[in-house]
Amino acid sequence: MIDEVRSWLLARNDGVTDIGLDEDLIDSRLIDSLGFPEFLLFLEELAGRELDLGQESVVAFRTLRGIRDRVLAGAGR
């Protein structure tokens, strides 16, 4: 599932060929404030549930590892 997230990000960032699990998606500008809502909707679709941003730590969305381990953990497709 994390490969789908990586592919989604790569498709929206011309010139980027890979994203490491621990690369900061915000600091590296792979996600910006305008794209974040669309990114959240995509993650909700993958997770099969609405994400409760009050419960999800912002840190969980900063790296692919955080997304894999905290946001998408337990989501199976």
PDB file of N, CA and C in Angstrom:
ATOM      1  N   MET A   1       0.811  -1.188   0.000  1.00  0.00           N
ATOM      2  CA  MET A   1       0.000   0.000   0.000  1.00  0.00           C
ATOM      3  C   MET A   1       0.866   1.269   0.000  1.00  0.00           C
ATOM      4  N   ILE A   2       2.015   1.205   0.669  1.00  0.00           N
ATOM      5  CA  ILE A   2       2.865   2.388   0.704  1.00  0.00           C
ATOM      6  C   ILE A   2       3.426   2.689  -0.684  1.00  0.00           C
ATOM      7  N   ASP A   3       3.543   1.669  -1.527  1.00  0.00           N
ATOM      8  CA  ASP A   3       3.986   1.912  -2.897  1.00  0.00           C
ATOM      9  C   ASP A   3       2.964   2.741  -3.668  1.00  0.00           C
ATOM     10  N   GLU A   4       1.687   2.569  -3.352  1.00  0.00           N
ATOM     11  CA  GLU A   4       0.647   3.385  -3.982  1.00  0.00           C
ATOM     12  C   GLU A   4       0.781   4.848  -3.554  1.00  0.00           C
ATOM     13  N   VAL A   5       1.115   5.053  -2.293  1.00  0.00           N
ATOM     14  CA  VAL A   5       1.313   6.418  -1.789  1.00  0.00           C
ATOM     15  C   VAL A   5       2.526   7.044  -2.474  1.00  0.00           C
ATOM     16  N   ARG A   6       3.613   6.284  -2.558  1.00  0.00           N
ATOM     17  CA  ARG A   6       4.825   6.775  -3.220  1.00  0.00           C
ATOM     18  C   ARG A   6       4.515   7.135  -4.676  1.00  0.00           C
ATOM     19  N   SER A   7       3.805   6.272  -5.379  1.00  0.00           N
ATOM     20  CA  SER A   7       3.455   6.524  -6.780  1.00  0.00           C
ATOM     21  C   SER A   7       2.593   7.778  -6.919  1.00  0.00           C
ATOM     22  N   TRP A   8       1.656   7.957  -6.013  1.00  0.00           N
ATOM     23  CA  TRP A   8       0.781   9.128  -6.030  1.00  0.00           C
ATOM     24  C   TRP A   8       1.610  10.402  -5.898  1.00  0.00           C
ATOM     25  N   LEU A   9       2.554  10.387  -4.965  1.00  0.00           N
ATOM     26  CA  LEU A   9       3.411  11.552  -4.754  1.00  0.00           C
ATOM     27  C   LEU A   9       4.330  11.799  -5.945  1.00  0.00           C
ATOM     28  N   LEU A  10       4.912  10.742  -6.485  1.00  0.00           N
ATOM     29  CA  LEU A  10       5.813  10.883  -7.630  1.00  0.00           C
ATOM     30  C   LEU A  10       5.084  11.451  -8.845  1.00  0.00           C
ATOM     31  N   ALA A  11       3.834  11.053  -9.044  1.00  0.00           N
ATOM     32  CA  ALA A  11       3.047  11.530 -10.178  1.00  0.00           C
ATOM     33  C   ALA A  11       2.787  13.033 -10.088  1.00  0.00           C
ATOM     34  N   ARG A  12       2.862  13.585  -8.895  1.00  0.00           N
ATOM     35  CA  ARG A  12       2.579  15.001  -8.690  1.00  0.00           C
ATOM     36  C   ARG A  12       3.831  15.854  -8.508  1.00  0.00           C
ATOM     37  N   ASN A  13       4.985  15.220  -8.629  1.00  0.00           N
ATOM     38  CA  ASN A  13       6.235  15.948  -8.431  1.00  0.00           C
ATOM     39  C   ASN A  13       7.207  15.629  -9.559  1.00  0.00           C
ATOM     40  N   ASP A  14       7.117  16.413 -10.629  1.00  0.00           N
ATOM     41  CA  ASP A  14       7.994  16.222 -11.783  1.00  0.00           C
ATOM     42  C   ASP A  14       9.455  16.292 -11.361  1.00  0.00           C
ATOM     43  N   GLY A  15      10.245  15.434 -11.924  1.00  0.00           N
ATOM     44  CA  GLY A  15      11.675  15.436 -11.658  1.00  0.00           C
ATOM     45  C   GLY A  15      12.088  14.612 -10.456  1.00  0.00           C
ATOM     46  N   VAL A  16      11.140  14.205  -9.633  1.00  0.00           N
ATOM     47  CA  VAL A  16      11.451  13.365  -8.480  1.00  0.00           C
ATOM     48  C   VAL A  16      11.324  11.917  -8.933  1.00  0.00           C
ATOM     49  N   THR A  17      12.355  11.124  -8.670  1.00  0.00           N
ATOM     50  CA  THR A  17      12.346   9.736  -9.134  1.00  0.00           C
ATOM     51  C   THR A  17      12.180   8.722  -8.020  1.00  0.00           C
ATOM     52  N   ASP A  18      12.424   9.114  -6.774  1.00  0.00           N
ATOM     53  CA  ASP A  18      12.250   8.201  -5.656  1.00  0.00           C
ATOM     54  C   ASP A  18      12.019   8.998  -4.384  1.00  0.00           C
ATOM     55  N   ILE A  19      11.350   8.369  -3.440  1.00  0.00           N
ATOM     56  CA  ILE A  19      11.086   8.979  -2.141  1.00  0.00           C
ATOM     57  C   ILE A  19      11.407   7.929  -1.091  1.00  0.00           C
ATOM     58  N   GLY A  20      12.363   8.229  -0.235  1.00  0.00           N
ATOM     59  CA  GLY A  20      12.735   7.303   0.831  1.00  0.00           C
ATOM     60  C   GLY A  20      11.686   7.256   1.923  1.00  0.00           C
ATOM     61  N   LEU A  21      11.668   6.163   2.664  1.00  0.00           N
ATOM     62  CA  LEU A  21      10.692   6.005   3.739  1.00  0.00           C
ATOM     63  C   LEU A  21      10.780   7.093   4.801  1.00  0.00           C
ATOM     64  N   ASP A  22      11.983   7.635   5.021  1.00  0.00           N
ATOM     65  CA  ASP A  22      12.158   8.622   6.083  1.00  0.00           C
ATOM     66  C   ASP A  22      12.335  10.051   5.569  1.00  0.00           C
ATOM     67  N   GLU A  23      12.130  10.252   4.282  1.00  0.00           N
ATOM     68  CA  GLU A  23      12.226  11.601   3.732  1.00  0.00           C
ATOM     69  C   GLU A  23      11.028  12.427   4.210  1.00  0.00           C
ATOM     70  N   ASP A  24      11.301  13.628   4.681  1.00  0.00           N
ATOM     71  CA  ASP A  24      10.239  14.495   5.173  1.00  0.00           C
ATOM     72  C   ASP A  24       9.473  15.056   3.974  1.00  0.00           C
ATOM     73  N   LEU A  25       8.223  14.668   3.850  1.00  0.00           N
ATOM     74  CA  LEU A  25       7.410  15.031   2.688  1.00  0.00           C
ATOM     75  C   LEU A  25       7.089  16.522   2.646  1.00  0.00           C
ATOM     76  N   ILE A  26       7.057  17.145   3.810  1.00  0.00           N
ATOM     77  CA  ILE A  26       6.734  18.569   3.874  1.00  0.00           C
ATOM     78  C   ILE A  26       7.990  19.411   3.638  1.00  0.00           C
ATOM     79  N   ASP A  27       9.062  19.098   4.356  1.00  0.00           N
ATOM     80  CA  ASP A  27      10.305  19.858   4.185  1.00  0.00           C
ATOM     81  C   ASP A  27      10.855  19.748   2.771  1.00  0.00           C
ATOM     82  N   SER A  28      10.659  18.586   2.140  1.00  0.00           N
ATOM     83  CA  SER A  28      11.156  18.397   0.772  1.00  0.00           C
ATOM     84  C   SER A  28      10.174  18.933  -0.269  1.00  0.00           C
ATOM     85  N   ARG A  29       9.068  19.488   0.202  1.00  0.00           N
ATOM     86  CA  ARG A  29       8.041  20.105  -0.649  1.00  0.00           C
ATOM     87  C   ARG A  29       7.338  19.122  -1.588  1.00  0.00           C
ATOM     88  N   LEU A  30       7.307  17.873  -1.185  1.00  0.00           N
ATOM     89  CA  LEU A  30       6.547  16.879  -1.953  1.00  0.00           C
ATOM     90  C   LEU A  30       5.056  17.046  -1.697  1.00  0.00           C
ATOM     91  N   ILE A  31       4.726  17.587  -0.534  1.00  0.00           N
ATOM     92  CA  ILE A  31       3.349  17.935  -0.172  1.00  0.00           C
ATOM     93  C   ILE A  31       3.375  19.360   0.334  1.00  0.00           C
ATOM     94  N   ASP A  32       2.447  20.163  -0.141  1.00  0.00           N
ATOM     95  CA  ASP A  32       2.330  21.525   0.371  1.00  0.00           C
ATOM     96  C   ASP A  32       0.943  21.718   0.956  1.00  0.00           C
ATOM     97  N   SER A  33       0.690  22.876   1.494  1.00  0.00           N
ATOM     98  CA  SER A  33      -0.588  23.118   2.173  1.00  0.00           C
ATOM     99  C   SER A  33      -1.773  23.020   1.226  1.00  0.00           C
ATOM    100  N   LEU A  34      -1.580  23.355  -0.032  1.00  0.00           N
ATOM    101  CA  LEU A  34      -2.684  23.264  -0.996  1.00  0.00           C
ATOM    102  C   LEU A  34      -2.971  21.824  -1.393  1.00  0.00           C
ATOM    103  N   GLY A  35      -1.940  20.988  -1.459  1.00  0.00           N
ATOM    104  CA  GLY A  35      -2.119  19.600  -1.857  1.00  0.00           C
ATOM    105  C   GLY A  35      -2.461  18.668  -0.712  1.00  0.00           C
ATOM    106  N   PHE A  36      -2.302  19.141   0.532  1.00  0.00           N
ATOM    107  CA  PHE A  36      -2.520  18.272   1.683  1.00  0.00           C
ATOM    108  C   PHE A  36      -3.945  17.731   1.782  1.00  0.00           C
ATOM    109  N   PRO A  37      -4.991  18.544   1.567  1.00  0.00           N
ATOM    110  CA  PRO A  37      -6.355  17.994   1.635  1.00  0.00           C
ATOM    111  C   PRO A  37      -6.593  16.866   0.614  1.00  0.00           C
ATOM    112  N   GLU A  38      -6.087  17.035  -0.596  1.00  0.00           N
ATOM    113  CA  GLU A  38      -6.221  15.993  -1.607  1.00  0.00           C
ATOM    114  C   GLU A  38      -5.461  14.734  -1.181  1.00  0.00           C
ATOM    115  N   PHE A  39      -4.294  14.928  -0.585  1.00  0.00           N
ATOM    116  CA  PHE A  39      -3.487  13.827  -0.083  1.00  0.00           C
ATOM    117  C   PHE A  39      -4.241  13.072   1.017  1.00  0.00           C
ATOM    118  N   LEU A  40      -4.875  13.805   1.914  1.00  0.00           N
ATOM    119  CA  LEU A  40      -5.654  13.169   2.980  1.00  0.00           C
ATOM    120  C   LEU A  40      -6.805  12.344   2.414  1.00  0.00           C
ATOM    121  N   LEU A  41      -7.492  12.872   1.425  1.00  0.00           N
ATOM    122  CA  LEU A  41      -8.584  12.118   0.796  1.00  0.00           C
ATOM    123  C   LEU A  41      -8.064  10.833   0.159  1.00  0.00           C
ATOM    124  N   PHE A  42      -6.916  10.915  -0.484  1.00  0.00           N
ATOM    125  CA  PHE A  42      -6.303   9.733  -1.079  1.00  0.00           C
ATOM    126  C   PHE A  42      -5.966   8.701   0.000  1.00  0.00           C
ATOM    127  N   LEU A  43      -5.387   9.156   1.124  1.00  0.00           N
ATOM    128  CA  LEU A  43      -5.049   8.236   2.208  1.00  0.00           C
ATOM    129  C   LEU A  43      -6.295   7.609   2.830  1.00  0.00           C
ATOM    130  N   GLU A  44      -7.359   8.375   2.945  1.00  0.00           N
ATOM    131  CA  GLU A  44      -8.614   7.825   3.466  1.00  0.00           C
ATOM    132  C   GLU A  44      -9.151   6.728   2.556  1.00  0.00           C
ATOM    133  N   GLU A  45      -9.041   6.947   1.261  1.00  0.00           N
ATOM    134  CA  GLU A  45      -9.479   5.934   0.301  1.00  0.00           C
ATOM    135  C   GLU A  45      -8.652   4.657   0.476  1.00  0.00           C
ATOM    136  N   LEU A  46      -7.349   4.806   0.606  1.00  0.00           N
ATOM    137  CA  LEU A  46      -6.486   3.643   0.804  1.00  0.00           C
ATOM    138  C   LEU A  46      -6.779   2.931   2.119  1.00  0.00           C
ATOM    139  N   ALA A  47      -6.979   3.710   3.174  1.00  0.00           N
ATOM    140  CA  ALA A  47      -7.206   3.148   4.498  1.00  0.00           C
ATOM    141  C   ALA A  47      -8.594   2.549   4.628  1.00  0.00           C
ATOM    142  N   GLY A  48      -9.516   3.000   3.776  1.00  0.00           N
ATOM    143  CA  GLY A  48     -10.879   2.504   3.861  1.00  0.00           C
ATOM    144  C   GLY A  48     -11.642   3.058   5.045  1.00  0.00           C
ATOM    145  N   ARG A  49     -11.189   4.201   5.515  1.00  0.00           N
ATOM    146  CA  ARG A  49     -11.856   4.846   6.659  1.00  0.00           C
ATOM    147  C   ARG A  49     -11.555   6.339   6.641  1.00  0.00           C
ATOM    148  N   GLU A  50     -12.392   7.077   7.344  1.00  0.00           N
ATOM    149  CA  GLU A  50     -12.135   8.506   7.500  1.00  0.00           C
ATOM    150  C   GLU A  50     -11.037   8.685   8.536  1.00  0.00           C
ATOM    151  N   LEU A  51     -10.076   9.512   8.231  1.00  0.00           N
ATOM    152  CA  LEU A  51      -8.992   9.769   9.164  1.00  0.00           C
ATOM    153  C   LEU A  51      -9.420  10.836  10.155  1.00  0.00           C
ATOM    154  N   ASP A  52      -9.263  10.549  11.415  1.00  0.00           N
ATOM    155  CA  ASP A  52      -9.586  11.498  12.469  1.00  0.00           C
ATOM    156  C   ASP A  52      -8.332  12.298  12.767  1.00  0.00           C
ATOM    157  N   LEU A  53      -8.276  13.494  12.239  1.00  0.00           N
ATOM    158  CA  LEU A  53      -7.070  14.301  12.379  1.00  0.00           C
ATOM    159  C   LEU A  53      -6.834  14.739  13.813  1.00  0.00           C
ATOM    160  N   GLY A  54      -7.838  14.646  14.648  1.00  0.00           N
ATOM    161  CA  GLY A  54      -7.645  14.936  16.063  1.00  0.00           C
ATOM    162  C   GLY A  54      -6.856  13.836  16.744  1.00  0.00           C
ATOM    163  N   GLN A  55      -6.980  12.619  16.235  1.00  0.00           N
ATOM    164  CA  GLN A  55      -6.273  11.490  16.823  1.00  0.00           C
ATOM    165  C   GLN A  55      -4.954  11.210  16.130  1.00  0.00           C
ATOM    166  N   GLU A  56      -4.892  11.473  14.840  1.00  0.00           N
ATOM    167  CA  GLU A  56      -3.673  11.213  14.082  1.00  0.00           C
ATOM    168  C   GLU A  56      -2.683  12.347  14.328  1.00  0.00           C
ATOM    169  N   SER A  57      -1.495  12.007  14.734  1.00  0.00           N
ATOM    170  CA  SER A  57      -0.455  13.004  14.951  1.00  0.00           C
ATOM    171  C   SER A  57       0.013  13.540  13.599  1.00  0.00           C
ATOM    172  N   VAL A  58       0.255  14.823  13.534  1.00  0.00           N
ATOM    173  CA  VAL A  58       0.760  15.435  12.305  1.00  0.00           C
ATOM    174  C   VAL A  58       2.073  14.766  11.902  1.00  0.00           C
ATOM    175  N   VAL A  59       2.847  14.344  12.870  1.00  0.00           N
ATOM    176  CA  VAL A  59       4.114  13.676  12.605  1.00  0.00           C
ATOM    177  C   VAL A  59       3.891  12.422  11.759  1.00  0.00           C
ATOM    178  N   ALA A  60       2.767  11.769  11.924  1.00  0.00           N
ATOM    179  CA  ALA A  60       2.467  10.546  11.176  1.00  0.00           C
ATOM    180  C   ALA A  60       2.388  10.794   9.679  1.00  0.00           C
ATOM    181  N   PHE A  61       2.140  12.005   9.258  1.00  0.00           N
ATOM    182  CA  PHE A  61       1.986  12.329   7.840  1.00  0.00           C
ATOM    183  C   PHE A  61       3.255  12.892   7.215  1.00  0.00           C
ATOM    184  N   ARG A  62       4.315  13.023   7.969  1.00  0.00           N
ATOM    185  CA  ARG A  62       5.529  13.674   7.456  1.00  0.00           C
ATOM    186  C   ARG A  62       6.405  12.770   6.625  1.00  0.00           C
ATOM    187  N   THR A  63       6.336  11.443   6.852  1.00  0.00           N
ATOM    188  CA  THR A  63       7.177  10.506   6.114  1.00  0.00           C
ATOM    189  C   THR A  63       6.347   9.322   5.638  1.00  0.00           C
ATOM    190  N   LEU A  64       6.852   8.629   4.639  1.00  0.00           N
ATOM    191  CA  LEU A  64       6.179   7.422   4.178  1.00  0.00           C
ATOM    192  C   LEU A  64       6.156   6.364   5.283  1.00  0.00           C
ATOM    193  N   ARG A  65       7.224   6.297   6.082  1.00  0.00           N
ATOM    194  CA  ARG A  65       7.250   5.338   7.189  1.00  0.00           C
ATOM    195  C   ARG A  65       6.138   5.645   8.201  1.00  0.00           C
ATOM    196  N   GLY A  66       5.973   6.917   8.541  1.00  0.00           N
ATOM    197  CA  GLY A  66       4.921   7.313   9.466  1.00  0.00           C
ATOM    198  C   GLY A  66       3.539   6.991   8.913  1.00  0.00           C
ATOM    199  N   ILE A  67       3.347   7.251   7.643  1.00  0.00           N
ATOM    200  CA  ILE A  67       2.065   6.937   7.005  1.00  0.00           C
ATOM    201  C   ILE A  67       1.820   5.432   7.033  1.00  0.00           C
ATOM    202  N   ARG A  68       2.852   4.665   6.684  1.00  0.00           N
ATOM    203  CA  ARG A  68       2.725   3.206   6.681  1.00  0.00           C
ATOM    204  C   ARG A  68       2.430   2.666   8.080  1.00  0.00           C
ATOM    205  N   ASP A  69       3.194   3.133   9.056  1.00  0.00           N
ATOM    206  CA  ASP A  69       3.117   2.565  10.399  1.00  0.00           C
ATOM    207  C   ASP A  69       1.971   3.097  11.242  1.00  0.00           C
ATOM    208  N   ARG A  70       1.541   4.325  10.993  1.00  0.00           N
ATOM    209  CA  ARG A  70       0.523   4.932  11.858  1.00  0.00           C
ATOM    210  C   ARG A  70      -0.805   5.155  11.168  1.00  0.00           C
ATOM    211  N   VAL A  71      -0.767   5.629   9.936  1.00  0.00           N
ATOM    212  CA  VAL A  71      -2.008   5.997   9.254  1.00  0.00           C
ATOM    213  C   VAL A  71      -2.645   4.790   8.563  1.00  0.00           C
ATOM    214  N   LEU A  72      -1.831   4.006   7.875  1.00  0.00           N
ATOM    215  CA  LEU A  72      -2.366   2.877   7.113  1.00  0.00           C
ATOM    216  C   LEU A  72      -2.238   1.543   7.839  1.00  0.00           C
ATOM    217  N   ALA A  73      -1.694   1.542   9.040  1.00  0.00           N
ATOM    218  CA  ALA A  73      -1.540   0.299   9.792  1.00  0.00           C
ATOM    219  C   ALA A  73      -2.901  -0.365   9.974  1.00  0.00           C
ATOM    220  N   GLY A  74      -2.968  -1.604   9.637  1.00  0.00           N
ATOM    221  CA  GLY A  74      -4.211  -2.356   9.792  1.00  0.00           C
ATOM    222  C   GLY A  74      -5.173  -2.243   8.629  1.00  0.00           C
ATOM    223  N   ALA A  75      -4.869  -1.340   7.713  1.00  0.00           N
ATOM    224  CA  ALA A  75      -5.732  -1.203   6.524  1.00  0.00           C
ATOM    225  C   ALA A  75      -5.315  -2.260   5.531  1.00  0.00           C
ATOM    226  N   GLY A  76      -6.214  -3.076   5.139  1.00  0.00           N
ATOM    227  CA  GLY A  76      -5.877  -4.112   4.171  1.00  0.00           C
ATOM    228  C   GLY A  76      -6.718  -3.997   2.920  1.00  0.00           C
ATOM    229  N   ARG A  77      -6.029  -4.238   1.807  1.00  0.00           N
ATOM    230  CA  ARG A  77      -6.763  -4.248   0.538  1.00  0.00           C
ATOM    231  C   ARG A  77      -6.259  -5.393  -0.267  1.00  0.00           C
TER     232      ARG A  77
END
